Protein backbone atom coordinates (compact mmCIF):
# COMPACT_ATOMS: atom_id res chain seq x y z
CA UNK A 1 99.72 107.08 112.36
CA UNK A 2 103.48 106.54 112.16
CA UNK A 3 105.34 103.24 111.84
CA UNK A 4 108.46 102.94 114.01
CA UNK A 5 111.80 101.47 113.06
CA UNK A 6 111.08 98.52 115.32
CA UNK A 7 107.79 97.90 113.56
CA UNK A 8 109.50 98.14 110.18
CA UNK A 9 111.99 95.51 111.31
CA UNK A 10 109.16 93.22 112.52
CA UNK A 11 107.26 93.66 109.27
CA UNK A 12 110.39 92.81 107.26
CA UNK A 13 110.92 89.67 109.32
CA UNK A 14 107.31 88.61 108.81
CA UNK A 15 107.61 89.17 105.06
CA UNK A 16 110.71 87.00 104.96
CA UNK A 17 108.61 84.26 106.61
CA UNK A 18 106.06 84.50 103.81
CA UNK A 19 103.38 86.40 105.66
CA UNK A 20 101.16 89.10 104.18
CA UNK A 21 100.96 92.27 106.27
CA UNK A 22 97.76 94.22 106.83
CA UNK A 23 98.05 97.67 108.41
CA UNK A 24 94.89 99.29 109.69
CA UNK A 25 95.20 102.93 108.62
CA UNK A 26 92.71 104.05 111.28
CA UNK A 27 94.10 102.25 114.33
CA UNK A 28 97.71 101.60 113.29
CA UNK A 29 97.29 97.91 114.12
CA UNK A 30 99.61 95.64 112.15
CA UNK A 31 98.35 92.15 111.37
CA UNK A 32 100.70 89.58 109.79
CA UNK A 33 98.66 86.79 108.21
CA UNK A 34 99.35 83.54 106.38
CA UNK A 35 97.33 82.97 103.27
CA UNK A 36 94.88 80.12 104.06
CA UNK A 37 95.87 78.26 100.90
CA UNK A 38 99.46 77.84 102.12
CA UNK A 39 100.27 74.26 103.06
CA UNK A 40 101.94 75.14 106.34
CA UNK A 41 99.26 77.43 107.71
CA UNK A 42 96.61 76.49 110.25
CA UNK A 43 93.88 77.49 107.86
CA UNK A 44 91.14 77.81 110.48
CA UNK A 45 93.01 80.45 112.50
CA UNK A 46 94.15 82.40 109.43
CA UNK A 47 90.76 82.19 107.72
CA UNK A 48 89.09 83.79 110.75
CA UNK A 49 91.66 86.58 110.82
CA UNK A 50 91.35 87.18 107.07
CA UNK A 51 87.58 87.23 107.33
CA UNK A 52 87.75 90.00 109.98
CA UNK A 53 90.14 91.96 107.78
CA UNK A 54 88.05 91.47 104.63
CA UNK A 55 85.01 92.90 106.42
CA UNK A 56 86.96 96.15 106.88
CA UNK A 57 89.34 95.87 103.92
CA UNK A 58 89.06 99.52 102.94
CA UNK A 59 90.66 100.45 106.29
CA UNK A 60 93.77 98.42 105.52
CA UNK A 61 96.96 98.85 103.53
CA UNK A 62 98.55 95.60 102.43
CA UNK A 63 102.23 94.81 102.14
CA UNK A 64 103.06 91.69 100.17
CA UNK A 65 106.34 89.83 100.16
CA UNK A 66 108.89 90.71 97.54
CA UNK A 67 108.60 89.32 94.06
CA UNK A 68 111.11 86.59 93.28
CA UNK A 69 113.10 88.83 90.98
CA UNK A 70 113.45 91.41 93.81
CA UNK A 71 114.76 88.78 96.23
CA UNK A 72 117.08 87.51 93.51
CA UNK A 73 118.40 91.06 93.03
CA UNK A 74 119.29 91.23 96.72
CA UNK A 75 121.44 88.10 96.34
CA UNK A 76 123.14 89.60 93.27
CA UNK A 77 123.78 92.87 95.11
CA UNK A 78 125.28 91.00 98.05
CA UNK A 79 127.60 89.02 95.79
CA UNK A 80 128.92 92.28 94.33
CA UNK A 81 130.11 93.30 97.81
CA UNK A 82 132.18 90.14 98.34
CA UNK A 83 135.87 90.84 97.93
CA UNK A 84 137.12 87.24 97.68
CA UNK A 85 136.95 86.47 93.94
CA UNK A 86 136.65 82.70 94.38
CA UNK A 87 133.68 83.01 96.72
CA UNK A 88 132.14 85.59 94.41
CA UNK A 89 132.50 83.28 91.39
CA UNK A 90 131.05 80.31 93.29
CA UNK A 91 127.99 82.31 94.30
CA UNK A 92 127.48 83.67 90.79
CA UNK A 93 127.53 80.09 89.48
CA UNK A 94 124.94 79.11 92.10
CA UNK A 95 122.62 81.88 90.93
CA UNK A 96 122.88 80.62 87.37
CA UNK A 97 121.94 77.04 88.26
CA UNK A 98 118.64 75.39 89.04
CA UNK A 99 117.15 76.28 92.48
CA UNK A 100 119.25 79.37 93.02
CA UNK A 101 117.51 80.41 96.27
CA UNK A 102 117.97 77.11 98.03
CA UNK A 103 121.51 76.63 96.76
CA UNK A 104 122.50 80.18 97.68
CA UNK A 105 121.11 79.64 101.18
CA UNK A 106 122.99 76.37 101.58
CA UNK A 107 126.26 77.92 100.43
CA UNK A 108 125.91 81.00 102.66
CA UNK A 109 124.97 78.94 105.74
CA UNK A 110 128.43 77.39 105.86
CA UNK A 111 130.42 80.41 104.72
CA UNK A 112 132.30 83.16 106.53
CA UNK A 113 129.78 85.57 104.94
CA UNK A 114 126.78 84.16 106.79
CA UNK A 115 126.24 87.03 109.25
CA UNK A 116 127.11 89.62 106.60
CA UNK A 117 124.39 88.10 104.40
CA UNK A 118 121.77 88.22 107.15
CA UNK A 119 122.60 91.84 107.95
CA UNK A 120 122.56 92.82 104.27
CA UNK A 121 119.31 91.01 103.53
CA UNK A 122 117.60 92.47 106.60
CA UNK A 123 118.65 95.98 105.62
CA UNK A 124 117.31 95.48 102.08
CA UNK A 125 114.01 94.09 103.36
CA UNK A 126 113.62 97.05 105.71
CA UNK A 127 114.26 99.39 102.76
CA UNK A 128 111.59 97.47 100.84
CA UNK A 129 109.12 97.87 103.71
CA UNK A 130 109.82 101.63 103.89
CA UNK A 131 109.23 101.94 100.13
CA UNK A 132 105.93 100.08 100.44
CA UNK A 133 104.87 102.30 103.35
CA UNK A 134 105.66 105.41 101.32
CA UNK A 135 103.59 104.04 98.42
CA UNK A 136 100.72 103.50 100.85
CA UNK A 137 101.28 107.03 102.21
CA UNK A 138 101.97 105.76 105.70
CA UNK A 139 104.33 107.88 107.76
CA UNK A 140 107.62 106.51 109.10
CA UNK A 141 109.06 107.71 112.41
């Protein structure tokens, strides 16, 4: 079983949405699933899917979303690439305040760096997925 670049991209997008990814090592099937305890999930649908997976759990590799410190590191790395010193300083201050994730998102949304941020973050998430696949000994195309 090999995971394609397109699948890596899809997995990274699902992780950014807070999903947990289950990869069946026998069939190659990829199942993104909300945890049933999440407020925004339709628990009945997700519970059924999780129950099916749990019955065959030894067949699956699991990829979890990044830890908060890893996502924070991505923001710090992005800031380092910004050439405009004022913008860089503003973003550093945001990271040092309360609610850095939400405030960073708000600041980036209205900045000239918006698309650069999305591209940078997507690339970092795809690298994260590749690392997780290597750990799980799943081949990458």
